[in-house]
């Protein structure tokens, strides 16, 4: 059993170690993420040429089931079948690459914490003049940054695959032609009332806190799993699901207790909305509910983050078993 004295690690030699740990972690993980991002972008670019560089046709008909329609490359014969097969393979490969980017990110996040702190490298890491706080954040911050990088990379690849100026102009033209005055009124008036400035203020904060809360849930579960002598992986998986159940139950109880107060404004609305003022009042009530839900999410995510962070830190300091 490896025990650490947090007071000893808080000395002068360890105070400036977090930036060094972060540089080391970013360099180590960049060798894994940058090739992954390149593959996703290349597949998006290849998929773009496959979609926009090939003429397509819509084929329709009917059978016993009903009407049917399909889209395929506008080519016939043997080479048409080959072209259709290759195009389908490229699209399938792109979809698998996008899904694989998120899966690989999840695996790398677990692997970096497990291998560097819970495995054989943990003996070296825990002999450094750094605190468990610094070790935890040296893993969490890069994992969060790479998560953002993965989302941005996937979004860029989707734009490479699908976006064209002509498609954008067509969508805008269809919207202007078919949007009714009532629909434009609802979009212009309802949207800012549904999603008020308070929502846009809390949304990025909740997103960041919730992301770190998820990371520390993983870290706490792995730390719990390593307190046992055998079956550490299964113990970590069980701890993760147990923590998820506890947080889920607490969230359900808190939501059930606060929901009547959050929906009280709906009781003051008329049964039917006749005037625009009544419709706008409904939008305001929905916006208040969204704000309340966002604030509740902030509280739950913040409490979960603090509790999981303190649990992981405590286990690394006092209960870590690297045998």
Protein backbone atom coordinates (compact mmCIF):
# COMPACT_ATOMS: atom_id res chain seq x y z
CA UNK A 1 0.00 0.00 0.00
CA UNK A 2 1.47 3.31 -1.14
CA UNK A 3 0.68 6.29 1.08
CA UNK A 4 1.62 9.88 0.38
CA UNK A 5 1.92 12.87 2.64
CA UNK A 6 0.18 15.79 0.96
CA UNK A 7 1.96 18.31 3.20
CA UNK A 8 5.32 17.03 2.05
CA UNK A 9 4.34 17.37 -1.57
CA UNK A 10 3.16 20.95 -1.09
CA UNK A 11 6.69 22.17 -0.57
CA UNK A 12 8.56 24.51 -2.82
CA UNK A 13 9.95 21.83 -5.12
CA UNK A 14 6.49 20.75 -6.21
CA UNK A 15 4.74 24.07 -6.75
CA UNK A 16 5.93 24.60 -10.29
CA UNK A 17 5.57 21.03 -11.45
CA UNK A 18 2.04 21.18 -12.88
CA UNK A 19 3.07 23.07 -16.07
CA UNK A 20 5.88 20.56 -16.59
CA UNK A 21 3.49 17.65 -16.10
CA UNK A 22 1.05 19.22 -18.55
CA UNK A 23 3.77 19.69 -21.19
CA UNK A 24 4.82 16.07 -20.78
CA UNK A 25 1.22 14.83 -21.02
CA UNK A 26 0.41 16.92 -24.09
CA UNK A 27 3.55 15.74 -25.87
CA UNK A 28 2.81 12.10 -25.04
CA UNK A 29 -0.83 12.26 -26.13
CA UNK A 30 -0.21 14.41 -29.22
CA UNK A 31 1.56 11.45 -30.79
CA UNK A 32 -1.72 9.57 -30.50
CA UNK A 33 -4.29 12.25 -31.28
CA UNK A 34 -2.72 14.12 -34.19
CA UNK A 35 -2.54 11.04 -36.48
CA UNK A 36 -6.10 10.21 -35.46
CA UNK A 37 -7.30 13.70 -36.40
CA UNK A 38 -5.43 13.50 -39.70
CA UNK A 39 -7.14 10.21 -40.56
CA UNK A 40 -10.60 11.62 -39.80
CA UNK A 41 -9.98 14.73 -41.93
CA UNK A 42 -8.53 12.71 -44.81
CA UNK A 43 -11.55 10.41 -44.82
CA UNK A 44 -13.82 13.45 -44.78
CA UNK A 45 -11.95 14.88 -47.78
CA UNK A 46 -12.05 11.56 -49.66
CA UNK A 47 -15.74 11.26 -48.86
CA UNK A 48 -16.31 14.72 -50.28
CA UNK A 49 -14.77 13.75 -53.61
CA UNK A 50 -16.77 10.53 -53.55
CA UNK A 51 -20.05 12.36 -53.01
CA UNK A 52 -19.56 15.55 -55.03
CA UNK A 53 -17.27 14.16 -57.70
CA UNK A 54 -19.68 11.43 -58.80
CA UNK A 55 -23.02 12.04 -60.58
CA UNK A 56 -25.96 10.65 -58.62
CA UNK A 57 -29.46 9.61 -59.56
CA UNK A 58 -32.64 8.87 -57.66
CA UNK A 59 -34.25 5.53 -58.47
CA UNK A 60 -37.81 4.81 -57.34
CA UNK A 61 -40.43 2.14 -57.85
CA UNK A 62 -43.04 0.08 -56.06
CA UNK A 63 -43.38 -3.44 -54.74
CA UNK A 64 -45.66 -5.43 -52.47
CA UNK A 65 -44.52 -3.46 -49.45
CA UNK A 66 -45.10 -0.04 -51.01
CA UNK A 67 -43.21 2.74 -52.70
CA UNK A 68 -39.43 2.81 -52.46
CA UNK A 69 -36.62 5.12 -53.50
CA UNK A 70 -32.85 4.97 -53.40
CA UNK A 71 -29.91 7.15 -54.34
CA UNK A 72 -27.01 5.65 -56.28
CA UNK A 73 -24.18 6.74 -58.59
CA UNK A 74 -25.44 7.49 -62.10
CA UNK A 75 -23.53 4.73 -63.86
CA UNK A 76 -24.56 1.44 -65.39
CA UNK A 77 -23.01 -1.94 -65.92
CA UNK A 78 -19.98 -3.42 -64.22
CA UNK A 79 -18.18 -0.14 -63.61
CA UNK A 80 -21.33 1.39 -62.20
CA UNK A 81 -21.53 -1.39 -59.64
CA UNK A 82 -17.84 -0.96 -58.81
CA UNK A 83 -18.27 2.80 -58.40
CA UNK A 84 -21.29 2.33 -56.16
CA UNK A 85 -19.40 -0.21 -54.02
CA UNK A 86 -16.32 2.00 -53.67
CA UNK A 87 -18.41 5.03 -52.77
CA UNK A 88 -20.30 3.04 -50.17
CA UNK A 89 -17.04 1.75 -48.69
CA UNK A 90 -15.65 5.28 -48.42
CA UNK A 91 -18.78 6.51 -46.62
CA UNK A 92 -18.76 3.51 -44.26
CA UNK A 93 -15.06 4.06 -43.55
CA UNK A 94 -15.74 7.73 -42.79
CA UNK A 95 -18.56 6.90 -40.37
CA UNK A 96 -16.40 4.30 -38.64
CA UNK A 97 -13.55 6.81 -38.46
CA UNK A 98 -15.77 9.42 -36.81
CA UNK A 99 -17.14 6.93 -34.30
CA UNK A 100 -13.66 5.57 -33.75
CA UNK A 101 -12.32 9.04 -32.94
CA UNK A 102 -14.61 9.28 -29.91
CA UNK A 103 -13.95 5.68 -28.89
CA UNK A 104 -10.19 6.15 -29.17
CA UNK A 105 -10.41 9.36 -27.14
CA UNK A 106 -12.24 7.47 -24.38
CA UNK A 107 -9.69 4.65 -24.46
CA UNK A 108 -6.72 7.02 -24.38
CA UNK A 109 -8.24 8.91 -21.44
CA UNK A 110 -8.52 5.70 -19.45
CA UNK A 111 -5.19 4.32 -20.60
CA UNK A 112 -3.18 7.41 -19.70
CA UNK A 113 -4.52 7.47 -16.14
CA UNK A 114 -4.40 3.70 -15.69
CA UNK A 115 -0.91 3.20 -17.07
CA UNK A 116 0.80 6.30 -15.70
CA UNK A 117 -0.67 6.33 -12.20
CA UNK A 118 -2.16 2.91 -11.54
CA UNK A 119 0.39 0.70 -13.32
CA UNK A 120 4.12 0.18 -13.07
CA UNK A 121 4.80 3.80 -14.05
CA UNK A 122 2.91 4.85 -10.94
CA UNK A 123 5.92 4.03 -8.78
CA UNK A 124 7.93 6.63 -10.68
CA UNK A 125 5.14 9.22 -10.87
CA UNK A 126 4.41 9.06 -7.16
CA UNK A 127 8.07 9.49 -6.25
CA UNK A 128 8.15 12.86 -8.01
CA UNK A 129 7.94 15.99 -5.81
CA UNK A 130 4.34 16.63 -6.87
CA UNK A 131 1.01 16.37 -5.10
CA UNK A 132 -1.86 14.10 -6.06
CA UNK A 133 -3.76 17.28 -7.02
CA UNK A 134 -1.16 18.04 -9.66
CA UNK A 135 -1.15 14.47 -10.93
CA UNK A 136 -4.94 14.46 -11.27
CA UNK A 137 -5.12 17.78 -13.08
CA UNK A 138 -2.18 16.84 -15.31
CA UNK A 139 -4.41 14.06 -16.65
CA UNK A 140 -7.77 15.83 -16.59
CA UNK A 141 -6.79 19.06 -18.36
CA UNK A 142 -5.20 17.40 -21.43
CA UNK A 143 -8.09 14.91 -21.63
CA UNK A 144 -10.55 17.81 -21.67
CA UNK A 145 -8.55 19.73 -24.29
CA UNK A 146 -8.29 16.68 -26.53
CA UNK A 147 -12.01 16.10 -26.14
CA UNK A 148 -12.65 19.58 -27.52
CA UNK A 149 -10.12 18.89 -30.27
CA UNK A 150 -11.92 15.67 -31.18
CA UNK A 151 -15.29 17.42 -31.43
CA UNK A 152 -13.82 20.23 -33.55
CA UNK A 153 -12.04 17.76 -35.83
CA UNK A 154 -15.21 15.75 -36.39
CA UNK A 155 -17.18 18.94 -37.07
CA UNK A 156 -14.60 20.10 -39.62
CA UNK A 157 -14.65 16.68 -41.30
CA UNK A 158 -18.45 16.85 -41.58
CA UNK A 159 -18.13 20.26 -43.25
CA UNK A 160 -15.52 18.86 -45.62
CA UNK A 161 -17.83 16.01 -46.44
CA UNK A 162 -21.14 17.81 -46.87
CA UNK A 163 -20.91 21.58 -47.13
CA UNK A 164 -21.13 23.42 -50.44
CA UNK A 165 -22.14 27.04 -51.13
CA UNK A 166 -24.85 25.83 -53.51
CA UNK A 167 -26.43 23.65 -50.82
CA UNK A 168 -26.44 26.54 -48.36
CA UNK A 169 -28.04 28.87 -50.90
CA UNK A 170 -30.67 26.23 -51.73
CA UNK A 171 -31.59 25.78 -48.09
CA UNK A 172 -31.89 29.53 -47.57
CA UNK A 173 -34.01 29.88 -50.70
CA UNK A 174 -36.36 27.09 -49.60
CA UNK A 175 -36.63 28.62 -46.14
CA UNK A 176 -37.51 32.05 -47.53
CA UNK A 177 -40.06 30.61 -49.93
CA UNK A 178 -41.90 28.35 -47.52
CA UNK A 179 -41.52 30.14 -44.19
CA UNK A 180 -44.84 31.74 -43.22
CA UNK A 181 -45.10 35.09 -41.43
CA UNK A 182 -46.33 33.22 -38.36
CA UNK A 183 -43.31 30.93 -38.50
CA UNK A 184 -40.92 33.85 -38.82
CA UNK A 185 -42.63 35.53 -35.88
CA UNK A 186 -42.21 32.42 -33.74
CA UNK A 187 -38.56 32.08 -34.66
CA UNK A 188 -37.73 35.74 -34.07
CA UNK A 189 -39.72 36.10 -30.85
CA UNK A 190 -39.76 32.65 -29.29
CA UNK A 191 -36.13 31.63 -29.69
CA UNK A 192 -34.65 34.52 -27.62
CA UNK A 193 -37.35 33.94 -25.00
CA UNK A 194 -36.74 30.21 -24.83
CA UNK A 195 -32.98 30.64 -24.61
CA UNK A 196 -32.46 33.79 -22.58
CA UNK A 197 -29.09 35.44 -21.80
CA UNK A 198 -28.94 33.54 -18.50
CA UNK A 199 -29.00 30.27 -20.44
CA UNK A 200 -26.16 31.31 -22.74
CA UNK A 201 -24.15 32.41 -19.69
CA UNK A 202 -24.55 29.07 -17.93
CA UNK A 203 -24.36 26.75 -20.91
CA UNK A 204 -20.55 26.87 -21.46
CA UNK A 205 -19.93 26.76 -17.71
CA UNK A 206 -22.14 23.70 -17.26
CA UNK A 207 -20.54 22.03 -20.28
CA UNK A 208 -17.03 22.46 -18.90
CA UNK A 209 -17.91 21.42 -15.35
CA UNK A 210 -19.89 18.41 -16.56
CA UNK A 211 -16.97 17.29 -18.75
CA UNK A 212 -14.52 17.44 -15.83
CA UNK A 213 -17.06 15.71 -13.60
CA UNK A 214 -17.18 12.83 -16.09
CA UNK A 215 -13.38 12.62 -16.12
CA UNK A 216 -13.08 12.53 -12.36
CA UNK A 217 -15.81 9.89 -12.22
CA UNK A 218 -13.52 7.71 -14.34
CA UNK A 219 -10.51 8.55 -12.19
CA UNK A 220 -12.32 7.92 -8.92
CA UNK A 221 -13.66 4.59 -10.19
CA UNK A 222 -10.16 3.46 -11.25
CA UNK A 223 -8.74 4.61 -7.92
CA UNK A 224 -11.41 2.59 -6.09
CA UNK A 225 -10.65 -0.44 -8.25
CA UNK A 226 -6.97 -0.27 -7.34
CA UNK A 227 -7.68 -0.47 -3.63
CA UNK A 228 -8.39 -4.19 -4.06
CA UNK A 229 -5.71 -6.80 -4.59
CA UNK A 230 -7.37 -8.84 -7.35
CA UNK A 231 -9.68 -8.14 -10.28
CA UNK A 232 -8.83 -4.45 -10.33
CA UNK A 233 -10.42 -3.90 -13.75
CA UNK A 234 -13.74 -5.45 -12.76
CA UNK A 235 -13.67 -3.55 -9.48
CA UNK A 236 -13.13 -0.30 -11.37
CA UNK A 237 -16.00 -1.04 -13.75
CA UNK A 238 -18.27 -1.89 -10.82
CA UNK A 239 -17.23 1.27 -9.00
CA UNK A 240 -18.00 3.37 -12.09
CA UNK A 241 -21.52 1.99 -12.39
CA UNK A 242 -22.07 2.33 -8.64
CA UNK A 243 -21.02 5.99 -8.71
CA UNK A 244 -23.25 6.59 -11.75
CA UNK A 245 -26.22 5.05 -9.95
CA UNK A 246 -25.66 7.16 -6.84
CA UNK A 247 -25.41 10.38 -8.85
CA UNK A 248 -28.43 9.38 -10.94
CA UNK A 249 -30.55 8.65 -7.89
CA UNK A 250 -29.52 11.90 -6.22
CA UNK A 251 -30.32 13.81 -9.40
CA UNK A 252 -33.76 12.17 -9.67
CA UNK A 253 -34.62 12.94 -6.05
CA UNK A 254 -33.49 16.56 -6.33
CA UNK A 255 -35.29 17.06 -9.64
CA UNK A 256 -38.52 15.57 -8.28
CA UNK A 257 -38.36 17.86 -5.26
CA UNK A 258 -37.74 21.04 -7.28
CA UNK A 259 -39.83 20.30 -10.38
CA UNK A 260 -43.19 21.48 -8.96
CA UNK A 261 -41.73 24.89 -8.18
CA UNK A 262 -39.98 25.09 -11.55
CA UNK A 263 -43.25 24.38 -13.43
CA UNK A 264 -45.48 26.63 -11.34
CA UNK A 265 -45.61 29.23 -14.10
CA UNK A 266 -47.47 26.83 -16.42
CA UNK A 267 -50.43 26.78 -14.06
CA UNK A 268 -51.00 30.49 -14.67
CA UNK A 269 -51.24 30.11 -18.45
CA UNK A 270 -54.58 29.93 -20.29
CA UNK A 271 -55.70 26.62 -21.76
CA UNK A 272 -55.59 28.05 -25.31
CA UNK A 273 -53.27 30.67 -26.75
CA UNK A 274 -55.20 33.22 -28.81
CA UNK A 275 -53.22 36.44 -28.81
CA UNK A 276 -49.54 36.94 -29.54
CA UNK A 277 -49.10 38.25 -26.00
CA UNK A 278 -50.30 34.91 -24.59
CA UNK A 279 -47.98 33.02 -26.90
CA UNK A 280 -45.05 35.17 -25.83
CA UNK A 281 -45.98 34.64 -22.19
CA UNK A 282 -45.85 30.88 -22.82
CA UNK A 283 -42.38 31.31 -24.35
CA UNK A 284 -41.26 33.26 -21.28
CA UNK A 285 -42.46 30.48 -18.97
CA UNK A 286 -40.64 27.86 -21.01
CA UNK A 287 -37.52 30.03 -20.90
CA UNK A 288 -37.78 30.25 -17.10
CA UNK A 289 -38.05 26.45 -16.95
CA UNK A 290 -34.97 26.06 -19.17
CA UNK A 291 -33.06 28.52 -16.95
CA UNK A 292 -34.07 26.61 -13.83
CA UNK A 293 -33.06 23.32 -15.40
CA UNK A 294 -29.71 24.79 -16.41
CA UNK A 295 -29.09 26.12 -12.90
CA UNK A 296 -29.99 22.73 -11.42
CA UNK A 297 -27.58 21.05 -13.84
CA UNK A 298 -24.87 23.47 -12.76
CA UNK A 299 -25.37 22.65 -9.09
CA UNK A 300 -25.45 18.88 -9.68
CA UNK A 301 -22.38 18.95 -11.93
CA UNK A 302 -20.42 21.19 -9.55
CA UNK A 303 -21.22 19.10 -6.47
CA UNK A 304 -20.40 15.90 -8.36
CA UNK A 305 -17.11 17.36 -9.60
CA UNK A 306 -15.98 18.44 -6.14
CA UNK A 307 -17.03 15.16 -4.50
CA UNK A 308 -15.41 12.96 -7.15
CA UNK A 309 -12.24 15.06 -7.20
CA UNK A 310 -11.87 14.86 -3.41
CA UNK A 311 -12.58 11.12 -3.48
CA UNK A 312 -9.96 10.48 -6.15
CA UNK A 313 -7.42 12.65 -4.35
CA UNK A 314 -8.05 10.92 -1.02
CA UNK A 315 -7.67 7.47 -2.55
CA UNK A 316 -4.44 8.40 -4.32
CA UNK A 317 -3.05 9.85 -1.09
CA UNK A 318 -4.01 7.10 1.35
CA UNK A 319 -5.39 3.96 -0.25
CA UNK A 320 -3.48 3.40 -3.48
CA UNK A 321 -2.37 -0.21 -3.94
CA UNK A 322 0.25 -0.59 -6.69
CA UNK A 323 1.21 -4.13 -5.85
